[in-house]
Amino acid sequence: AVQTAYLKANYPIEYMTALMSVFRGDL
């Protein structure tokens, strides 16, 4: 949770890109 919050706060574009890549099959 701490690592995720850090990434989302400091690298929001990369974080959201990664989420959308991981869940690309889940519309």
PDB file of all heavy atoms in Angstrom:
ATOM      1  N   ALA A   1       0.831  -1.210   0.000  1.00  0.00           N
ATOM      2  CA  ALA A   1       0.000   0.000   0.000  1.00  0.00           C
ATOM      3  C   ALA A   1       0.863   1.257   0.000  1.00  0.00           C
ATOM      4  O   ALA A   1       0.586   2.211  -0.744  1.00  0.00           O
ATOM      5  CB  ALA A   1      -0.934  -0.004   1.207  1.00  0.00           C
ATOM      6  N   VAL A   2       1.924   1.273   0.798  1.00  0.00           N
ATOM      7  CA  VAL A   2       2.817   2.436   0.847  1.00  0.00           C
ATOM      8  C   VAL A   2       3.541   2.604  -0.485  1.00  0.00           C
ATOM      9  O   VAL A   2       3.633   3.717  -1.019  1.00  0.00           O
ATOM     10  CB  VAL A   2       3.819   2.306   2.023  1.00  0.00           C
ATOM     11  CG1 VAL A   2       4.915   3.349   1.932  1.00  0.00           C
ATOM     12  CG2 VAL A   2       3.086   2.416   3.351  1.00  0.00           C
ATOM     13  N   GLN A   3       4.047   1.521  -1.038  1.00  0.00           N
ATOM     14  CA  GLN A   3       4.745   1.598  -2.324  1.00  0.00           C
ATOM     15  C   GLN A   3       3.804   2.085  -3.429  1.00  0.00           C
ATOM     16  O   GLN A   3       4.167   2.928  -4.260  1.00  0.00           O
ATOM     17  CB  GLN A   3       5.332   0.232  -2.685  1.00  0.00           C
ATOM     18  CG  GLN A   3       6.461  -0.181  -1.771  1.00  0.00           C
ATOM     19  CD  GLN A   3       6.804  -1.660  -1.908  1.00  0.00           C
ATOM     20  OE1 GLN A   3       6.063  -2.435  -2.506  1.00  0.00           O
ATOM     21  NE2 GLN A   3       7.937  -2.047  -1.349  1.00  0.00           N
ATOM     22  N   THR A   4       2.590   1.560  -3.429  1.00  0.00           N
ATOM     23  CA  THR A   4       1.608   1.943  -4.436  1.00  0.00           C
ATOM     24  C   THR A   4       1.249   3.421  -4.313  1.00  0.00           C
ATOM     25  O   THR A   4       1.193   4.136  -5.318  1.00  0.00           O
ATOM     26  CB  THR A   4       0.337   1.072  -4.293  1.00  0.00           C
ATOM     27  OG1 THR A   4       0.715  -0.297  -4.445  1.00  0.00           O
ATOM     28  CG2 THR A   4      -0.708   1.429  -5.318  1.00  0.00           C
ATOM     29  N   ALA A   5       1.018   3.870  -3.080  1.00  0.00           N
ATOM     30  CA  ALA A   5       0.680   5.281  -2.867  1.00  0.00           C
ATOM     31  C   ALA A   5       1.822   6.185  -3.321  1.00  0.00           C
ATOM     32  O   ALA A   5       1.590   7.234  -3.948  1.00  0.00           O
ATOM     33  CB  ALA A   5       0.359   5.521  -1.398  1.00  0.00           C
ATOM     34  N   TYR A   6       3.047   5.786  -3.048  1.00  0.00           N
ATOM     35  CA  TYR A   6       4.207   6.567  -3.467  1.00  0.00           C
ATOM     36  C   TYR A   6       4.262   6.675  -4.990  1.00  0.00           C
ATOM     37  O   TYR A   6       4.442   7.758  -5.547  1.00  0.00           O
ATOM     38  CB  TYR A   6       5.501   5.938  -2.937  1.00  0.00           C
ATOM     39  CG  TYR A   6       6.740   6.664  -3.413  1.00  0.00           C
ATOM     40  CD1 TYR A   6       7.206   7.791  -2.747  1.00  0.00           C
ATOM     41  CD2 TYR A   6       7.410   6.253  -4.565  1.00  0.00           C
ATOM     42  CE1 TYR A   6       8.321   8.482  -3.199  1.00  0.00           C
ATOM     43  CE2 TYR A   6       8.527   6.934  -5.034  1.00  0.00           C
ATOM     44  CZ  TYR A   6       8.976   8.049  -4.338  1.00  0.00           C
ATOM     45  OH  TYR A   6      10.069   8.728  -4.802  1.00  0.00           O
ATOM     46  N   LEU A   7       4.111   5.554  -5.657  1.00  0.00           N
ATOM     47  CA  LEU A   7       4.164   5.558  -7.124  1.00  0.00           C
ATOM     48  C   LEU A   7       3.029   6.396  -7.718  1.00  0.00           C
ATOM     49  O   LEU A   7       3.248   7.187  -8.646  1.00  0.00           O
ATOM     50  CB  LEU A   7       4.109   4.135  -7.668  1.00  0.00           C
ATOM     51  CG  LEU A   7       5.338   3.276  -7.370  1.00  0.00           C
ATOM     52  CD1 LEU A   7       5.080   1.831  -7.778  1.00  0.00           C
ATOM     53  CD2 LEU A   7       6.574   3.839  -8.059  1.00  0.00           C
ATOM     54  N   LYS A   8       1.836   6.246  -7.173  1.00  0.00           N
ATOM     55  CA  LYS A   8       0.695   6.996  -7.699  1.00  0.00           C
ATOM     56  C   LYS A   8       0.880   8.496  -7.486  1.00  0.00           C
ATOM     57  O   LYS A   8       0.564   9.302  -8.363  1.00  0.00           O
ATOM     58  CB  LYS A   8      -0.600   6.514  -7.031  1.00  0.00           C
ATOM     59  CG  LYS A   8      -1.841   7.126  -7.637  1.00  0.00           C
ATOM     60  CD  LYS A   8      -3.096   6.519  -7.062  1.00  0.00           C
ATOM     61  CE  LYS A   8      -4.330   7.105  -7.700  1.00  0.00           C
ATOM     62  NZ  LYS A   8      -5.545   6.528  -7.139  1.00  0.00           N
ATOM     63  N   ALA A   9       1.431   8.874  -6.320  1.00  0.00           N
ATOM     64  CA  ALA A   9       1.620  10.296  -6.015  1.00  0.00           C
ATOM     65  C   ALA A   9       2.775  10.914  -6.807  1.00  0.00           C
ATOM     66  O   ALA A   9       2.693  12.075  -7.217  1.00  0.00           O
ATOM     67  CB  ALA A   9       1.869  10.474  -4.515  1.00  0.00           C
ATOM     68  N   ASN A  10       3.846  10.180  -7.024  1.00  0.00           N
ATOM     69  CA  ASN A  10       5.051  10.736  -7.630  1.00  0.00           C
ATOM     70  C   ASN A  10       5.223  10.427  -9.118  1.00  0.00           C
ATOM     71  O   ASN A  10       5.980  11.115  -9.801  1.00  0.00           O
ATOM     72  CB  ASN A  10       6.283  10.261  -6.862  1.00  0.00           C
ATOM     73  CG  ASN A  10       6.307  10.865  -5.470  1.00  0.00           C
ATOM     74  OD1 ASN A  10       6.583  12.043  -5.316  1.00  0.00           O
ATOM     75  ND2 ASN A  10       5.973  10.065  -4.470  1.00  0.00           N
ATOM     76  N   TYR A  11       4.559   9.398  -9.601  1.00  0.00           N
ATOM     77  CA  TYR A  11       4.647   9.000 -11.006  1.00  0.00           C
ATOM     78  C   TYR A  11       3.241   8.659 -11.529  1.00  0.00           C
ATOM     79  O   TYR A  11       2.989   7.538 -11.964  1.00  0.00           O
ATOM     80  CB  TYR A  11       5.573   7.788 -11.164  1.00  0.00           C
ATOM     81  CG  TYR A  11       6.967   8.037 -10.651  1.00  0.00           C
ATOM     82  CD1 TYR A  11       7.328   7.668  -9.357  1.00  0.00           C
ATOM     83  CD2 TYR A  11       7.924   8.650 -11.460  1.00  0.00           C
ATOM     84  CE1 TYR A  11       8.608   7.909  -8.873  1.00  0.00           C
ATOM     85  CE2 TYR A  11       9.205   8.892 -10.990  1.00  0.00           C
ATOM     86  CZ  TYR A  11       9.536   8.529  -9.698  1.00  0.00           C
ATOM     87  OH  TYR A  11      10.801   8.766  -9.230  1.00  0.00           O
ATOM     88  N   PRO A  12       2.324   9.624 -11.465  1.00  0.00           N
ATOM     89  CA  PRO A  12       0.926   9.301 -11.796  1.00  0.00           C
ATOM     90  C   PRO A  12       0.712   8.808 -13.225  1.00  0.00           C
ATOM     91  O   PRO A  12      -0.096   7.904 -13.442  1.00  0.00           O
ATOM     92  CB  PRO A  12       0.175  10.614 -11.535  1.00  0.00           C
ATOM     93  CG  PRO A  12       1.224  11.679 -11.594  1.00  0.00           C
ATOM     94  CD  PRO A  12       2.500  11.038 -11.125  1.00  0.00           C
ATOM     95  N   ILE A  13       1.424   9.364 -14.191  1.00  0.00           N
ATOM     96  CA  ILE A  13       1.231   8.931 -15.580  1.00  0.00           C
ATOM     97  C   ILE A  13       1.693   7.487 -15.737  1.00  0.00           C
ATOM     98  O   ILE A  13       0.976   6.643 -16.291  1.00  0.00           O
ATOM     99  CB  ILE A  13       1.969   9.866 -16.568  1.00  0.00           C
ATOM    100  CG1 ILE A  13       1.306  11.248 -16.540  1.00  0.00           C
ATOM    101  CG2 ILE A  13       1.968   9.278 -17.972  1.00  0.00           C
ATOM    102  CD1 ILE A  13       2.073  12.311 -17.308  1.00  0.00           C
ATOM    103  N   GLU A  14       2.891   7.196 -15.224  1.00  0.00           N
ATOM    104  CA  GLU A  14       3.427   5.838 -15.330  1.00  0.00           C
ATOM    105  C   GLU A  14       2.562   4.843 -14.563  1.00  0.00           C
ATOM    106  O   GLU A  14       2.300   3.722 -15.025  1.00  0.00           O
ATOM    107  CB  GLU A  14       4.868   5.795 -14.803  1.00  0.00           C
ATOM    108  CG  GLU A  14       5.856   6.576 -15.642  1.00  0.00           C
ATOM    109  CD  GLU A  14       5.937   8.077 -15.309  1.00  0.00           C
ATOM    110  OE1 GLU A  14       5.067   8.591 -14.552  1.00  0.00           O
ATOM    111  OE2 GLU A  14       6.858   8.735 -15.814  1.00  0.00           O
ATOM    112  N   TYR A  15       2.097   5.272 -13.403  1.00  0.00           N
ATOM    113  CA  TYR A  15       1.265   4.401 -12.564  1.00  0.00           C
ATOM    114  C   TYR A  15      -0.041   4.052 -13.283  1.00  0.00           C
ATOM    115  O   TYR A  15      -0.421   2.884 -13.386  1.00  0.00           O
ATOM    116  CB  TYR A  15       0.985   5.090 -11.224  1.00  0.00           C
ATOM    117  CG  TYR A  15       0.091   4.285 -10.310  1.00  0.00           C
ATOM    118  CD1 TYR A  15       0.602   3.255  -9.543  1.00  0.00           C
ATOM    119  CD2 TYR A  15      -1.276   4.547 -10.234  1.00  0.00           C
ATOM    120  CE1 TYR A  15      -0.212   2.499  -8.719  1.00  0.00           C
ATOM    121  CE2 TYR A  15      -2.095   3.794  -9.415  1.00  0.00           C
ATOM    122  CZ  TYR A  15      -1.555   2.773  -8.658  1.00  0.00           C
ATOM    123  OH  TYR A  15      -2.373   2.022  -7.854  1.00  0.00           O
ATOM    124  N   MET A  16      -0.720   5.065 -13.789  1.00  0.00           N
ATOM    125  CA  MET A  16      -2.004   4.824 -14.454  1.00  0.00           C
ATOM    126  C   MET A  16      -1.803   4.048 -15.762  1.00  0.00           C
ATOM    127  O   MET A  16      -2.621   3.200 -16.108  1.00  0.00           O
ATOM    128  CB  MET A  16      -2.737   6.153 -14.707  1.00  0.00           C
ATOM    129  CG  MET A  16      -3.126   6.885 -13.416  1.00  0.00           C
ATOM    130  SD  MET A  16      -4.103   5.901 -12.261  1.00  0.00           S
ATOM    131  CE  MET A  16      -5.675   5.870 -13.086  1.00  0.00           C
ATOM    132  N   THR A  17      -0.697   4.323 -16.468  1.00  0.00           N
ATOM    133  CA  THR A  17      -0.386   3.565 -17.678  1.00  0.00           C
ATOM    134  C   THR A  17      -0.212   2.085 -17.347  1.00  0.00           C
ATOM    135  O   THR A  17      -0.727   1.205 -18.054  1.00  0.00           O
ATOM    136  CB  THR A  17       0.895   4.116 -18.349  1.00  0.00           C
ATOM    137  OG1 THR A  17       0.681   5.490 -18.669  1.00  0.00           O
ATOM    138  CG2 THR A  17       1.236   3.341 -19.606  1.00  0.00           C
ATOM    139  N   ALA A  18       0.510   1.813 -16.275  1.00  0.00           N
ATOM    140  CA  ALA A  18       0.730   0.422 -15.863  1.00  0.00           C
ATOM    141  C   ALA A  18      -0.593  -0.256 -15.501  1.00  0.00           C
ATOM    142  O   ALA A  18      -0.841  -1.402 -15.898  1.00  0.00           O
ATOM    143  CB  ALA A  18       1.696   0.370 -14.684  1.00  0.00           C
ATOM    144  N   LEU A  19      -1.455   0.447 -14.770  1.00  0.00           N
ATOM    145  CA  LEU A  19      -2.758  -0.138 -14.410  1.00  0.00           C
ATOM    146  C   LEU A  19      -3.557  -0.491 -15.658  1.00  0.00           C
ATOM    147  O   LEU A  19      -4.128  -1.580 -15.755  1.00  0.00           O
ATOM    148  CB  LEU A  19      -3.567   0.833 -13.545  1.00  0.00           C
ATOM    149  CG  LEU A  19      -3.242   0.890 -12.073  1.00  0.00           C
ATOM    150  CD1 LEU A  19      -4.125   1.940 -11.388  1.00  0.00           C
ATOM    151  CD2 LEU A  19      -3.420  -0.449 -11.404  1.00  0.00           C
ATOM    152  N   MET A  20      -3.599   0.441 -16.586  1.00  0.00           N
ATOM    153  CA  MET A  20      -4.388   0.178 -17.797  1.00  0.00           C
ATOM    154  C   MET A  20      -3.766  -0.932 -18.640  1.00  0.00           C
ATOM    155  O   MET A  20      -4.494  -1.676 -19.297  1.00  0.00           O
ATOM    156  CB  MET A  20      -4.563   1.458 -18.606  1.00  0.00           C
ATOM    157  CG  MET A  20      -5.543   2.406 -17.922  1.00  0.00           C
ATOM    158  SD  MET A  20      -6.009   3.817 -18.933  1.00  0.00           S
ATOM    159  CE  MET A  20      -4.566   4.833 -18.765  1.00  0.00           C
ATOM    160  N   SER A  21      -2.451  -1.059 -18.586  1.00  0.00           N
ATOM    161  CA  SER A  21      -1.793  -2.149 -19.327  1.00  0.00           C
ATOM    162  C   SER A  21      -2.097  -3.498 -18.700  1.00  0.00           C
ATOM    163  O   SER A  21      -2.405  -4.471 -19.384  1.00  0.00           O
ATOM    164  CB  SER A  21      -0.281  -1.933 -19.348  1.00  0.00           C
ATOM    165  OG  SER A  21       0.032  -0.774 -20.080  1.00  0.00           O
ATOM    166  N   VAL A  22      -2.018  -3.558 -17.378  1.00  0.00           N
ATOM    167  CA  VAL A  22      -2.251  -4.818 -16.669  1.00  0.00           C
ATOM    168  C   VAL A  22      -3.692  -5.293 -16.851  1.00  0.00           C
ATOM    169  O   VAL A  22      -3.942  -6.479 -17.027  1.00  0.00           O
ATOM    170  CB  VAL A  22      -1.902  -4.671 -15.170  1.00  0.00           C
ATOM    171  CG1 VAL A  22      -2.402  -5.852 -14.368  1.00  0.00           C
ATOM    172  CG2 VAL A  22      -0.406  -4.488 -14.989  1.00  0.00           C
ATOM    173  N   PHE A  23      -4.627  -4.359 -16.832  1.00  0.00           N
ATOM    174  CA  PHE A  23      -6.046  -4.721 -16.903  1.00  0.00           C
ATOM    175  C   PHE A  23      -6.657  -4.394 -18.264  1.00  0.00           C
ATOM    176  O   PHE A  23      -7.855  -4.152 -18.368  1.00  0.00           O
ATOM    177  CB  PHE A  23      -6.819  -4.016 -15.779  1.00  0.00           C
ATOM    178  CG  PHE A  23      -6.397  -4.447 -14.413  1.00  0.00           C
ATOM    179  CD1 PHE A  23      -5.642  -3.612 -13.610  1.00  0.00           C
ATOM    180  CD2 PHE A  23      -6.720  -5.710 -13.937  1.00  0.00           C
ATOM    181  CE1 PHE A  23      -5.239  -4.014 -12.353  1.00  0.00           C
ATOM    182  CE2 PHE A  23      -6.310  -6.131 -12.683  1.00  0.00           C
ATOM    183  CZ  PHE A  23      -5.570  -5.279 -11.880  1.00  0.00           C
ATOM    184  N   ARG A  24      -5.865  -4.444 -19.321  1.00  0.00           N
ATOM    185  CA  ARG A  24      -6.344  -4.042 -20.643  1.00  0.00           C
ATOM    186  C   ARG A  24      -7.502  -4.900 -21.147  1.00  0.00           C
ATOM    187  O   ARG A  24      -8.306  -4.431 -21.932  1.00  0.00           O
ATOM    188  CB  ARG A  24      -5.208  -4.019 -21.645  1.00  0.00           C
ATOM    189  CG  ARG A  24      -4.623  -5.358 -21.984  1.00  0.00           C
ATOM    190  CD  ARG A  24      -3.486  -5.223 -22.996  1.00  0.00           C
ATOM    191  NE  ARG A  24      -2.752  -6.464 -23.123  1.00  0.00           N
ATOM    192  CZ  ARG A  24      -1.656  -6.743 -22.435  1.00  0.00           C
ATOM    193  NH1 ARG A  24      -1.156  -5.869 -21.611  1.00  0.00           N
ATOM    194  NH2 ARG A  24      -1.053  -7.913 -22.597  1.00  0.00           N
ATOM    195  N   GLY A  25      -7.635  -6.115 -20.684  1.00  0.00           N
ATOM    196  CA  GLY A  25      -8.744  -6.958 -21.123  1.00  0.00           C
ATOM    197  C   GLY A  25     -10.024  -6.750 -20.330  1.00  0.00           C
ATOM    198  O   GLY A  25     -11.072  -7.274 -20.682  1.00  0.00           O
ATOM    199  N   ASP A  26      -9.969  -5.964 -19.273  1.00  0.00           N
ATOM    200  CA  ASP A  26     -11.131  -5.716 -18.417  1.00  0.00           C
ATOM    201  C   ASP A  26     -11.661  -4.312 -18.724  1.00  0.00           C
ATOM    202  O   ASP A  26     -11.167  -3.315 -18.192  1.00  0.00           O
ATOM    203  CB  ASP A  26     -10.713  -5.848 -16.949  1.00  0.00           C
ATOM    204  CG  ASP A  26     -11.867  -5.742 -15.979  1.00  0.00           C
ATOM    205  OD1 ASP A  26     -12.887  -5.102 -16.308  1.00  0.00           O
ATOM    206  OD2 ASP A  26     -11.737  -6.292 -14.863  1.00  0.00           O
ATOM    207  N   LEU A  27     -12.673  -4.267 -19.589  1.00  0.00           N
ATOM    208  CA  LEU A  27     -13.172  -2.966 -20.064  1.00  0.00           C
ATOM    209  C   LEU A  27     -13.723  -2.093 -18.945  1.00  0.00           C
ATOM    210  O   LEU A  27     -13.546  -0.874 -18.961  1.00  0.00           O
ATOM    211  CB  LEU A  27     -14.221  -3.182 -21.152  1.00  0.00           C
ATOM    212  CG  LEU A  27     -13.707  -3.833 -22.453  1.00  0.00           C
ATOM    213  CD1 LEU A  27     -14.837  -4.008 -23.453  1.00  0.00           C
ATOM    214  CD2 LEU A  27     -12.576  -3.030 -23.041  1.00  0.00           C
TER     215      LEU A  27
END
